[in-house]
Amino acid sequence: MDSPFWDLVTIWLARASGVMVLTGAGISAESGVPTFRGKDGLWNRFRPEELATLEALQRDPERVWTWYRWRRKKVLQAQPNPAHRALVTLEQWKQPHFLLVTQNVDGLHQRAGSQAVVEFHGNLFEDVCLQCGFHRRIESVASEDSAVPYCPRCGHLLKPGVVMFGEPIPEQALHHVIEFIPRTDILLVIGTSAQVYPAAAIPRWVKDHGGKVVEVNPEQTPVTEMADAFLRGPAGKLVPKLVQDAMKKQQVPHERTFSG
């Protein structure tokens, strides 16, 4: 790799006992899942307040549910790519001191085989009732009809299991991340625009606790300036190589405080 940081990053990763990964839409874009931002992002064609808020759902549930079912079908046409699979290998190597935090709602990490996953923004393939707490997993969009879904327990309107604009991050998800921060020797930030908080604050939290931050992205983001290393390029190409090269260095003794 042409990055001057490559060898250093592989050593950091090899020595790390606590590894956190933060992924965004960029990693799934390589599988064909539409992103929200950027020149081809969904928000260039749709207004968030018309489709991705509780107010929109209550105002026009049929339209909102039609859009989310369209998204479910698009996601199910996608398959995990080499970056998703490489993170499974990384988890197996570093477990139980590994945490994958994703802003994606597509479930591709789990389909690839990842287990230690925190879904910061929920899951597209769940229906949730805000009235009574009922939730269910959607196993097949083929079995869904076109009607607006209502809770079988209390009759309230169901919502997609994603965090909509204006909703808080699930408390348990945030708790898992905060708890793992002090144990994070290295954070890999992969394919996120770093514009949505509180996920965008995770790199700063890790830095404040003495961990290294490594960004993998085709373009610079707000994370780039604070990162200890920036690896420019597609995740599907760089992440498998990064994990492979780091595993070759796993015999290097671990040190909690890294130099360089």
C-alpha atoms as a PDB file:
ATOM      1  CA  MET A   1       0.000   0.000   0.000  1.00  0.00           C
ATOM      2  CA  ASP A   2       1.230   3.492  -0.801  1.00  0.00           C
ATOM      3  CA  SER A   3       0.181   5.057   2.492  1.00  0.00           C
ATOM      4  CA  PRO A   4       3.178   6.014   4.655  1.00  0.00           C
ATOM      5  CA  PHE A   5       1.096   4.937   7.652  1.00  0.00           C
ATOM      6  CA  TRP A   6       0.341   1.417   6.450  1.00  0.00           C
ATOM      7  CA  ASP A   7       3.053  -0.536   8.298  1.00  0.00           C
ATOM      8  CA  LEU A   8       2.508   1.513  11.442  1.00  0.00           C
ATOM      9  CA  VAL A   9      -1.236   0.886  11.403  1.00  0.00           C
ATOM     10  CA  THR A  10      -0.757  -2.860  10.965  1.00  0.00           C
ATOM     11  CA  ILE A  11       1.518  -2.879  14.016  1.00  0.00           C
ATOM     12  CA  TRP A  12      -1.011  -0.876  16.049  1.00  0.00           C
ATOM     13  CA  LEU A  13      -3.741  -3.298  15.065  1.00  0.00           C
ATOM     14  CA  ALA A  14      -1.607  -6.342  15.795  1.00  0.00           C
ATOM     15  CA  ARG A  15      -0.697  -5.089  19.262  1.00  0.00           C
ATOM     16  CA  ALA A  16      -4.155  -3.864  20.202  1.00  0.00           C
ATOM     17  CA  SER A  17      -6.020  -5.833  22.814  1.00  0.00           C
ATOM     18  CA  GLY A  18      -9.162  -3.702  22.475  1.00  0.00           C
ATOM     19  CA  VAL A  19     -10.432  -2.993  18.959  1.00  0.00           C
ATOM     20  CA  MET A  20     -13.500  -0.963  18.023  1.00  0.00           C
ATOM     21  CA  VAL A  21     -14.761  -0.464  14.479  1.00  0.00           C
ATOM     22  CA  LEU A  22     -17.171   2.273  13.408  1.00  0.00           C
ATOM     23  CA  THR A  23     -18.784   1.779  10.008  1.00  0.00           C
ATOM     24  CA  GLY A  24     -20.987   4.012   7.902  1.00  0.00           C
ATOM     25  CA  ALA A  25     -22.829   3.932   4.608  1.00  0.00           C
ATOM     26  CA  GLY A  26     -19.635   3.826   2.566  1.00  0.00           C
ATOM     27  CA  ILE A  27     -18.899   0.212   3.426  1.00  0.00           C
ATOM     28  CA  SER A  28     -22.353  -0.885   2.277  1.00  0.00           C
ATOM     29  CA  ALA A  29     -22.265   1.324  -0.814  1.00  0.00           C
ATOM     30  CA  GLU A  30     -19.670  -1.097  -2.194  1.00  0.00           C
ATOM     31  CA  SER A  31     -22.381  -3.776  -1.947  1.00  0.00           C
ATOM     32  CA  GLY A  32     -24.823  -1.632  -3.901  1.00  0.00           C
ATOM     33  CA  VAL A  33     -26.784  -0.179  -0.989  1.00  0.00           C
ATOM     34  CA  PRO A  34     -27.680   3.481  -1.684  1.00  0.00           C
ATOM     35  CA  THR A  35     -26.055   6.031   0.607  1.00  0.00           C
ATOM     36  CA  PHE A  36     -27.836   9.062   2.022  1.00  0.00           C
ATOM     37  CA  ARG A  37     -25.225  11.743   1.427  1.00  0.00           C
ATOM     38  CA  GLY A  38     -22.878  12.498  -1.437  1.00  0.00           C
ATOM     39  CA  LYS A  39     -23.682  13.204  -5.067  1.00  0.00           C
ATOM     40  CA  ASP A  40     -25.806  10.068  -5.500  1.00  0.00           C
ATOM     41  CA  GLY A  41     -27.233  10.050  -1.975  1.00  0.00           C
ATOM     42  CA  LEU A  42     -30.886   9.385  -1.258  1.00  0.00           C
ATOM     43  CA  TRP A  43     -31.312  12.787   0.368  1.00  0.00           C
ATOM     44  CA  ASN A  44     -30.656  14.369  -3.007  1.00  0.00           C
ATOM     45  CA  ARG A  45     -33.876  12.732  -4.239  1.00  0.00           C
ATOM     46  CA  PHE A  46     -35.957  12.606  -1.057  1.00  0.00           C
ATOM     47  CA  ARG A  47     -36.451  15.082   1.767  1.00  0.00           C
ATOM     48  CA  PRO A  48     -35.703  13.556   5.188  1.00  0.00           C
ATOM     49  CA  GLU A  49     -38.578  15.362   6.861  1.00  0.00           C
ATOM     50  CA  GLU A  50     -40.998  13.825   4.358  1.00  0.00           C
ATOM     51  CA  LEU A  51     -39.938  10.231   4.882  1.00  0.00           C
ATOM     52  CA  ALA A  52     -37.674   9.706   7.891  1.00  0.00           C
ATOM     53  CA  THR A  53     -39.407  11.351  10.844  1.00  0.00           C
ATOM     54  CA  LEU A  54     -42.147  10.258  13.211  1.00  0.00           C
ATOM     55  CA  GLU A  55     -44.189  13.260  12.068  1.00  0.00           C
ATOM     56  CA  ALA A  56     -43.997  12.056   8.459  1.00  0.00           C
ATOM     57  CA  LEU A  57     -45.022   8.557   9.489  1.00  0.00           C
ATOM     58  CA  GLN A  58     -48.050   9.838  11.364  1.00  0.00           C
ATOM     59  CA  ARG A  59     -48.966  12.279   8.589  1.00  0.00           C
ATOM     60  CA  ASP A  60     -48.699   9.861   5.670  1.00  0.00           C
ATOM     61  CA  PRO A  61     -47.997   6.311   6.897  1.00  0.00           C
ATOM     62  CA  GLU A  62     -48.733   4.712   3.525  1.00  0.00           C
ATOM     63  CA  ARG A  63     -46.119   6.801   1.724  1.00  0.00           C
ATOM     64  CA  VAL A  64     -43.481   6.318   4.421  1.00  0.00           C
ATOM     65  CA  TRP A  65     -44.027   2.577   4.615  1.00  0.00           C
ATOM     66  CA  THR A  66     -43.884   2.261   0.822  1.00  0.00           C
ATOM     67  CA  TRP A  67     -40.464   3.922   0.890  1.00  0.00           C
ATOM     68  CA  TYR A  68     -39.102   1.763   3.680  1.00  0.00           C
ATOM     69  CA  ARG A  69     -40.325  -1.428   2.006  1.00  0.00           C
ATOM     70  CA  TRP A  70     -38.590  -0.285  -1.180  1.00  0.00           C
ATOM     71  CA  ARG A  71     -35.409   0.121   0.849  1.00  0.00           C
ATOM     72  CA  ARG A  72     -35.791  -3.363   2.350  1.00  0.00           C
ATOM     73  CA  LYS A  73     -36.004  -4.877  -1.131  1.00  0.00           C
ATOM     74  CA  LYS A  74     -32.946  -2.920  -2.306  1.00  0.00           C
ATOM     75  CA  VAL A  75     -30.910  -4.082   0.686  1.00  0.00           C
ATOM     76  CA  LEU A  76     -31.892  -7.727   0.252  1.00  0.00           C
ATOM     77  CA  GLN A  77     -30.535  -7.575  -3.292  1.00  0.00           C
ATOM     78  CA  ALA A  78     -27.119  -6.675  -1.859  1.00  0.00           C
ATOM     79  CA  GLN A  79     -24.528  -9.086  -0.491  1.00  0.00           C
ATOM     80  CA  PRO A  80     -21.749  -8.554   2.075  1.00  0.00           C
ATOM     81  CA  ASN A  81     -18.530  -7.483   0.399  1.00  0.00           C
ATOM     82  CA  PRO A  82     -14.870  -8.285   1.234  1.00  0.00           C
ATOM     83  CA  ALA A  83     -14.736  -5.501   3.850  1.00  0.00           C
ATOM     84  CA  HIS A  84     -17.700  -6.974   5.741  1.00  0.00           C
ATOM     85  CA  ARG A  85     -16.077 -10.411   5.664  1.00  0.00           C
ATOM     86  CA  ALA A  86     -12.683  -9.080   6.755  1.00  0.00           C
ATOM     87  CA  LEU A  87     -14.286  -7.551   9.845  1.00  0.00           C
ATOM     88  CA  VAL A  88     -15.628 -10.995  10.734  1.00  0.00           C
ATOM     89  CA  THR A  89     -12.046 -12.287  10.622  1.00  0.00           C
ATOM     90  CA  LEU A  90     -10.899  -9.353  12.760  1.00  0.00           C
ATOM     91  CA  GLU A  91     -13.602 -10.079  15.333  1.00  0.00           C
ATOM     92  CA  GLN A  92     -12.657 -13.752  15.514  1.00  0.00           C
ATOM     93  CA  TRP A  93      -9.022 -12.771  16.021  1.00  0.00           C
ATOM     94  CA  LYS A  94      -9.585 -10.132  18.701  1.00  0.00           C
ATOM     95  CA  GLN A  95     -12.658 -11.476  20.530  1.00  0.00           C
ATOM     96  CA  PRO A  96     -13.828 -10.940  23.199  1.00  0.00           C
ATOM     97  CA  HIS A  97     -12.106  -7.534  23.101  1.00  0.00           C
ATOM     98  CA  PHE A  98     -13.805  -6.367  19.931  1.00  0.00           C
ATOM     99  CA  LEU A  99     -16.830  -4.207  19.192  1.00  0.00           C
ATOM    100  CA  LEU A 100     -18.335  -3.296  15.830  1.00  0.00           C
ATOM    101  CA  VAL A 101     -20.474  -0.165  15.920  1.00  0.00           C
ATOM    102  CA  THR A 102     -22.430   0.460  12.744  1.00  0.00           C
ATOM    103  CA  GLN A 103     -24.542   3.376  11.636  1.00  0.00           C
ATOM    104  CA  ASN A 104     -25.962   1.159   8.927  1.00  0.00           C
ATOM    105  CA  VAL A 105     -29.395  -0.403   9.280  1.00  0.00           C
ATOM    106  CA  ASP A 106     -28.994  -2.990   6.511  1.00  0.00           C
ATOM    107  CA  GLY A 107     -27.831  -5.991   8.567  1.00  0.00           C
ATOM    108  CA  LEU A 108     -24.998  -6.787   6.133  1.00  0.00           C
ATOM    109  CA  HIS A 109     -22.473  -7.153   8.961  1.00  0.00           C
ATOM    110  CA  GLN A 110     -24.613  -9.843  10.577  1.00  0.00           C
ATOM    111  CA  ARG A 111     -25.210 -11.550   7.242  1.00  0.00           C
ATOM    112  CA  ALA A 112     -21.440 -11.680   6.780  1.00  0.00           C
ATOM    113  CA  GLY A 113     -21.076 -13.358  10.180  1.00  0.00           C
ATOM    114  CA  SER A 114     -20.285 -10.530  12.613  1.00  0.00           C
ATOM    115  CA  GLN A 115     -21.678 -11.084  16.100  1.00  0.00           C
ATOM    116  CA  ALA A 116     -20.357  -8.308  18.362  1.00  0.00           C
ATOM    117  CA  VAL A 117     -22.445  -5.669  16.565  1.00  0.00           C
ATOM    118  CA  VAL A 118     -24.024  -2.545  18.019  1.00  0.00           C
ATOM    119  CA  GLU A 119     -26.606  -1.078  15.661  1.00  0.00           C
ATOM    120  CA  PHE A 120     -26.437   2.614  16.498  1.00  0.00           C
ATOM    121  CA  HIS A 121     -29.306   3.556  14.215  1.00  0.00           C
ATOM    122  CA  GLY A 122     -31.452   0.453  14.507  1.00  0.00           C
ATOM    123  CA  ASN A 123     -32.338  -2.217  11.966  1.00  0.00           C
ATOM    124  CA  LEU A 124     -34.344  -1.843   8.778  1.00  0.00           C
ATOM    125  CA  PHE A 125     -35.773  -5.332   9.119  1.00  0.00           C
ATOM    126  CA  GLU A 126     -37.684  -4.777  12.330  1.00  0.00           C
ATOM    127  CA  ASP A 127     -41.138  -3.380  13.022  1.00  0.00           C
ATOM    128  CA  VAL A 128     -41.507  -1.513  16.311  1.00  0.00           C
ATOM    129  CA  CYS A 129     -44.459  -0.225  18.338  1.00  0.00           C
ATOM    130  CA  LEU A 130     -43.700   2.931  20.289  1.00  0.00           C
ATOM    131  CA  GLN A 131     -46.886   2.528  22.293  1.00  0.00           C
ATOM    132  CA  CYS A 132     -46.384  -0.875  23.958  1.00  0.00           C
ATOM    133  CA  GLY A 133     -42.834  -1.898  22.995  1.00  0.00           C
ATOM    134  CA  PHE A 134     -43.842  -4.733  20.685  1.00  0.00           C
ATOM    135  CA  HIS A 135     -41.267  -5.545  18.024  1.00  0.00           C
ATOM    136  CA  ARG A 136     -40.834  -8.215  15.392  1.00  0.00           C
ATOM    137  CA  ARG A 137     -38.180  -9.268  12.942  1.00  0.00           C
ATOM    138  CA  ILE A 138     -39.020  -9.249   9.233  1.00  0.00           C
ATOM    139  CA  GLU A 139     -37.499 -12.355   7.706  1.00  0.00           C
ATOM    140  CA  SER A 140     -38.806 -11.919   4.158  1.00  0.00           C
ATOM    141  CA  VAL A 141     -40.199  -8.901   2.344  1.00  0.00           C
ATOM    142  CA  ALA A 142     -41.978 -11.306   0.021  1.00  0.00           C
ATOM    143  CA  SER A 143     -44.347 -12.146   2.871  1.00  0.00           C
ATOM    144  CA  GLU A 144     -45.208  -8.492   3.499  1.00  0.00           C
ATOM    145  CA  ASP A 145     -48.390  -7.058   2.102  1.00  0.00           C
ATOM    146  CA  SER A 146     -48.774  -3.440   1.044  1.00  0.00           C
ATOM    147  CA  ALA A 147     -50.998  -2.425   3.940  1.00  0.00           C
ATOM    148  CA  VAL A 148     -49.799  -0.065   6.647  1.00  0.00           C
ATOM    149  CA  PRO A 149     -48.859  -2.311   9.609  1.00  0.00           C
ATOM    150  CA  TYR A 150     -50.441  -1.929  13.024  1.00  0.00           C
ATOM    151  CA  CYS A 151     -49.398  -3.496  16.302  1.00  0.00           C
ATOM    152  CA  PRO A 152     -51.061  -6.889  16.862  1.00  0.00           C
ATOM    153  CA  ARG A 153     -50.860  -6.284  20.602  1.00  0.00           C
ATOM    154  CA  CYS A 154     -52.269  -2.774  21.067  1.00  0.00           C
ATOM    155  CA  GLY A 155     -53.395  -1.643  17.603  1.00  0.00           C
ATOM    156  CA  HIS A 156     -50.977   1.300  17.447  1.00  0.00           C
ATOM    157  CA  LEU A 157     -49.229   2.271  14.197  1.00  0.00           C
ATOM    158  CA  LEU A 158     -45.937   0.389  13.783  1.00  0.00           C
ATOM    159  CA  LYS A 159     -42.744   2.099  12.661  1.00  0.00           C
ATOM    160  CA  PRO A 160     -39.649   0.704  10.926  1.00  0.00           C
ATOM    161  CA  GLY A 161     -37.008  -0.312  13.462  1.00  0.00           C
ATOM    162  CA  VAL A 162     -34.629   2.482  12.476  1.00  0.00           C
ATOM    163  CA  VAL A 163     -33.730   5.629  14.366  1.00  0.00           C
ATOM    164  CA  MET A 164     -35.606   8.402  12.605  1.00  0.00           C
ATOM    165  CA  PHE A 165     -34.595  12.049  12.623  1.00  0.00           C
ATOM    166  CA  GLY A 166     -35.377  13.538  16.008  1.00  0.00           C
ATOM    167  CA  GLU A 167     -35.301  10.190  17.817  1.00  0.00           C
ATOM    168  CA  PRO A 168     -32.585   9.385  20.376  1.00  0.00           C
ATOM    169  CA  ILE A 169     -29.999   6.660  19.914  1.00  0.00           C
ATOM    170  CA  PRO A 170     -31.132   3.470  21.680  1.00  0.00           C
ATOM    171  CA  GLU A 171     -29.944   3.723  25.272  1.00  0.00           C
ATOM    172  CA  GLN A 172     -28.481   0.223  25.338  1.00  0.00           C
ATOM    173  CA  ALA A 173     -26.482   0.824  22.149  1.00  0.00           C
ATOM    174  CA  LEU A 174     -24.988   4.025  23.532  1.00  0.00           C
ATOM    175  CA  HIS A 175     -24.203   2.272  26.826  1.00  0.00           C
ATOM    176  CA  HIS A 176     -22.287  -0.521  25.049  1.00  0.00           C
ATOM    177  CA  VAL A 177     -20.149   2.001  23.190  1.00  0.00           C
ATOM    178  CA  ILE A 178     -19.383   4.206  26.194  1.00  0.00           C
ATOM    179  CA  GLU A 179     -18.480   1.146  28.250  1.00  0.00           C
ATOM    180  CA  PHE A 180     -16.031  -0.073  25.606  1.00  0.00           C
ATOM    181  CA  ILE A 181     -14.321   3.275  24.961  1.00  0.00           C
ATOM    182  CA  PRO A 182     -11.764   3.037  27.832  1.00  0.00           C
ATOM    183  CA  ARG A 183     -10.732  -0.415  26.586  1.00  0.00           C
ATOM    184  CA  THR A 184     -10.237   0.708  22.978  1.00  0.00           C
ATOM    185  CA  ASP A 185      -6.605   0.679  21.866  1.00  0.00           C
ATOM    186  CA  ILE A 186      -7.520   1.362  18.261  1.00  0.00           C
ATOM    187  CA  LEU A 187     -10.639   2.552  16.465  1.00  0.00           C
ATOM    188  CA  LEU A 188     -11.091   1.868  12.761  1.00  0.00           C
ATOM    189  CA  VAL A 189     -13.465   4.400  11.193  1.00  0.00           C
ATOM    190  CA  ILE A 190     -14.659   2.936   7.907  1.00  0.00           C
ATOM    191  CA  GLY A 191     -16.859   4.540   5.271  1.00  0.00           C
ATOM    192  CA  THR A 192     -18.651   7.147   7.356  1.00  0.00           C
ATOM    193  CA  SER A 193     -19.142  10.798   6.500  1.00  0.00           C
ATOM    194  CA  ALA A 194     -18.859  11.586  10.230  1.00  0.00           C
ATOM    195  CA  GLN A 195     -21.703  14.097  10.072  1.00  0.00           C
ATOM    196  CA  VAL A 196     -24.301  12.400  12.276  1.00  0.00           C
ATOM    197  CA  TYR A 197     -23.999  12.650  16.040  1.00  0.00           C
ATOM    198  CA  PRO A 198     -23.448  11.065  18.480  1.00  0.00           C
ATOM    199  CA  ALA A 199     -21.736   8.480  16.240  1.00  0.00           C
ATOM    200  CA  ALA A 200     -19.479  11.212  14.839  1.00  0.00           C
ATOM    201  CA  ALA A 201     -18.224  11.903  18.371  1.00  0.00           C
ATOM    202  CA  ILE A 202     -16.895   8.373  18.923  1.00  0.00           C
ATOM    203  CA  PRO A 203     -13.449   9.081  17.385  1.00  0.00           C
ATOM    204  CA  ARG A 204     -12.977  12.035  19.761  1.00  0.00           C
ATOM    205  CA  TRP A 205     -14.074   9.940  22.735  1.00  0.00           C
ATOM    206  CA  VAL A 206     -11.496   7.287  21.827  1.00  0.00           C
ATOM    207  CA  LYS A 207      -8.747   9.879  21.394  1.00  0.00           C
ATOM    208  CA  ASP A 208      -9.599  11.423  24.758  1.00  0.00           C
ATOM    209  CA  HIS A 209      -9.038   8.018  26.379  1.00  0.00           C
ATOM    210  CA  GLY A 210      -5.662   7.498  24.702  1.00  0.00           C
ATOM    211  CA  GLY A 211      -6.680   5.220  21.830  1.00  0.00           C
ATOM    212  CA  LYS A 212      -5.529   5.448  18.235  1.00  0.00           C
ATOM    213  CA  VAL A 213      -7.947   6.448  15.463  1.00  0.00           C
ATOM    214  CA  VAL A 214      -7.467   5.123  11.932  1.00  0.00           C
ATOM    215  CA  GLU A 215      -9.773   6.263   9.126  1.00  0.00           C
ATOM    216  CA  VAL A 216     -10.436   4.255   5.960  1.00  0.00           C
ATOM    217  CA  ASN A 217     -12.319   6.280   3.357  1.00  0.00           C
ATOM    218  CA  PRO A 218     -12.056   7.314  -0.289  1.00  0.00           C
ATOM    219  CA  GLU A 219     -12.500  10.952   0.764  1.00  0.00           C
ATOM    220  CA  GLN A 220     -11.478  13.082   3.708  1.00  0.00           C
ATOM    221  CA  THR A 221     -14.081  13.740   6.416  1.00  0.00           C
ATOM    222  CA  PRO A 222     -14.252  15.696   9.674  1.00  0.00           C
ATOM    223  CA  VAL A 223     -12.469  12.715  11.284  1.00  0.00           C
ATOM    224  CA  THR A 224      -9.411  12.999   9.046  1.00  0.00           C
ATOM    225  CA  GLU A 225      -7.690  15.845  10.877  1.00  0.00           C
ATOM    226  CA  MET A 226      -7.923  14.147  14.278  1.00  0.00           C
ATOM    227  CA  ALA A 227      -7.069  10.671  12.982  1.00  0.00           C
ATOM    228  CA  ASP A 228      -3.668   9.190  13.735  1.00  0.00           C
ATOM    229  CA  ALA A 229      -3.678   7.697  10.235  1.00  0.00           C
ATOM    230  CA  PHE A 230      -5.804   8.183   7.130  1.00  0.00           C
ATOM    231  CA  LEU A 231      -5.919   5.321   4.602  1.00  0.00           C
ATOM    232  CA  ARG A 232      -7.490   6.620   1.406  1.00  0.00           C
ATOM    233  CA  GLY A 233      -9.381   4.121  -0.692  1.00  0.00           C
ATOM    234  CA  PRO A 234     -12.352   1.761  -0.849  1.00  0.00           C
ATOM    235  CA  ALA A 235     -13.035  -0.390   2.193  1.00  0.00           C
ATOM    236  CA  GLY A 236     -13.470  -3.527   0.107  1.00  0.00           C
ATOM    237  CA  LYS A 237      -9.865  -3.265  -1.022  1.00  0.00           C
ATOM    238  CA  LEU A 238      -8.133  -1.833   2.038  1.00  0.00           C
ATOM    239  CA  VAL A 239      -9.800  -3.543   5.006  1.00  0.00           C
ATOM    240  CA  PRO A 240      -9.064  -7.164   3.967  1.00  0.00           C
ATOM    241  CA  LYS A 241      -5.444  -6.266   3.269  1.00  0.00           C
ATOM    242  CA  LEU A 242      -5.151  -4.367   6.543  1.00  0.00           C
ATOM    243  CA  VAL A 243      -6.449  -7.286   8.593  1.00  0.00           C
ATOM    244  CA  GLN A 244      -4.292  -9.755   6.695  1.00  0.00           C
ATOM    245  CA  ASP A 245      -1.108  -7.725   7.160  1.00  0.00           C
ATOM    246  CA  ALA A 246      -1.831  -7.067  10.832  1.00  0.00           C
ATOM    247  CA  MET A 247      -2.347 -10.768  11.532  1.00  0.00           C
ATOM    248  CA  LYS A 248       1.102 -11.434  10.109  1.00  0.00           C
ATOM    249  CA  LYS A 249       2.479  -9.140  12.821  1.00  0.00           C
ATOM    250  CA  GLN A 250       0.474 -10.637  15.686  1.00  0.00           C
ATOM    251  CA  GLN A 251       3.622 -12.002  17.308  1.00  0.00           C
ATOM    252  CA  VAL A 252       4.676  -8.414  18.146  1.00  0.00           C
ATOM    253  CA  PRO A 253       4.374  -7.938  21.964  1.00  0.00           C
ATOM    254  CA  HIS A 254       1.397  -5.860  23.088  1.00  0.00           C
ATOM    255  CA  GLU A 255       1.915  -2.423  24.578  1.00  0.00           C
ATOM    256  CA  ARG A 256      -0.995  -0.331  25.880  1.00  0.00           C
ATOM    257  CA  THR A 257       0.653   2.988  24.997  1.00  0.00           C
ATOM    258  CA  PHE A 258       1.798   3.087  21.406  1.00  0.00           C
ATOM    259  CA  SER A 259       4.626   5.145  20.014  1.00  0.00           C
ATOM    260  CA  GLY A 260       4.615   6.764  16.620  1.00  0.00           C
END
